[in-house]
Amino acid sequence: MDATYNGDYTPQGRAGKGGNRPRRIKQNSDAAAPYGALDLGTNNCRLLIARPSVSGLTVVDAFSRIVRLGEGVSRSGRLSDDAMGRTIEALRVCSNKLKWHNVGTRRLIATEACRLASNGADFILRVEAETGLKLEVIDRETEARLAASGAEPLIDVEASSAVIFDIGGGSTEVMWMQRVGDVFELGAWISLAAGVVTLSERHDGGREVSPETFAAMRGHVKELMEPFVTRVSELYGDRAVPSHLLGTSGTVTTIAGVHLGLRHYDRSKVDGCWLENEGAGEVTARLLAMTYEERMANGCIGRERADLVLAGCAILEEIRNAFPAPRIRVADRGLREGILMQIIASDRAKGLVS
């Protein structure tokens, strides 16, 4: 998928002009109704509205806001009133955008926070009552497959295998993709019960992260990763080293932005770029040496990610350690794109869209 994006697309929770309001785009009554995909995660609420195109997707509108829905769930087991309130506000924006663009076919998903919270089902009912949006709580396997579907077009055409990873707020999905003929198939996957929010909360909140705390984060992730590493080794033996890694998440896009020396995050420079494996490690070392205030002042991190980015780095370090491929490709795309591509593929098979 070589999706074409309009200029106001604001990925991965970064603020952008018009990002929180329905954009008054001139409507074309002759155009087919666009498709919609919403991904409500532990940390972010993301919406993508697009039409199919020869090259993949042409984006009509997009929205992304950090809501921290899962804040505190790892300790209390419940979604807090403040977190639900923030999320409802963001979902109202999404509902307005879906109405404004006359979106027909849509899939609106919720992930780890709503899966784990004891009041998650009640929150889903509240969302429908207050916004009209019917959210679907998906399981971890579905989440992994959608993330793989959204990022898979960025696997190097010369690769024989790749490891796709999606570091989320409440969980991390890691997928082994194996070439079979001219296509890549999902050979093995795991969903780790660790994301940037849950891991930072487990280790003193993520603001002041000492080398010892960072090592403890890595140790926890390593333990969670071991069954997957063993499984891949059993399946592929000597071939259990991927041609490259492919990361889709706020963590890996942030690391890419810092590595590229961007003053402010720029999707056009990050999506599809390559990092040498050692380069990712160098950025992690730089971030670990920074204070919370210094991370917050970095234009690619900002206030909303300053206390989460090192937890993400700890997860990434253990993925790199488990699968020491020479390069990492960075994808500023994921679940939403995976949802849309699956819907479009299904409609094309039915002859509903060209």
Foldseek 3Di string as FASTA:
>chain_A
DPEAEDPQADFFADDGVVQQAQDPDDDDPPDDQWEKEWEAEQFKTKIWTFHQDPVGTYTPDIHMHGLNQQACCLPVLAGDPSSLVSVLSSLLRVLVNCVSSVHDHYAYEYEDSLVRHPCSVVSQVVSCVSRVDRYDYDYPVVQLQLQCLWQVVLDPQPWQKEWEWEAGQQKIKIFIWGDDPRGTDTPDMDIFRDHLNSLCVVQPQQQQAAPVSLVVLLVVLLVRCVVVLVVLCVVPPVCSATQEYEYEHLQVQLLQCVLVVPQARDCVVAAFDKDFLVSSVVSLVVLNPDHLVVQQNRRSAHDSRSRRNSSVSSNVVSVCVSHVHGMYTYHSIGNRSSVSSVVVVVCVVVVNGD
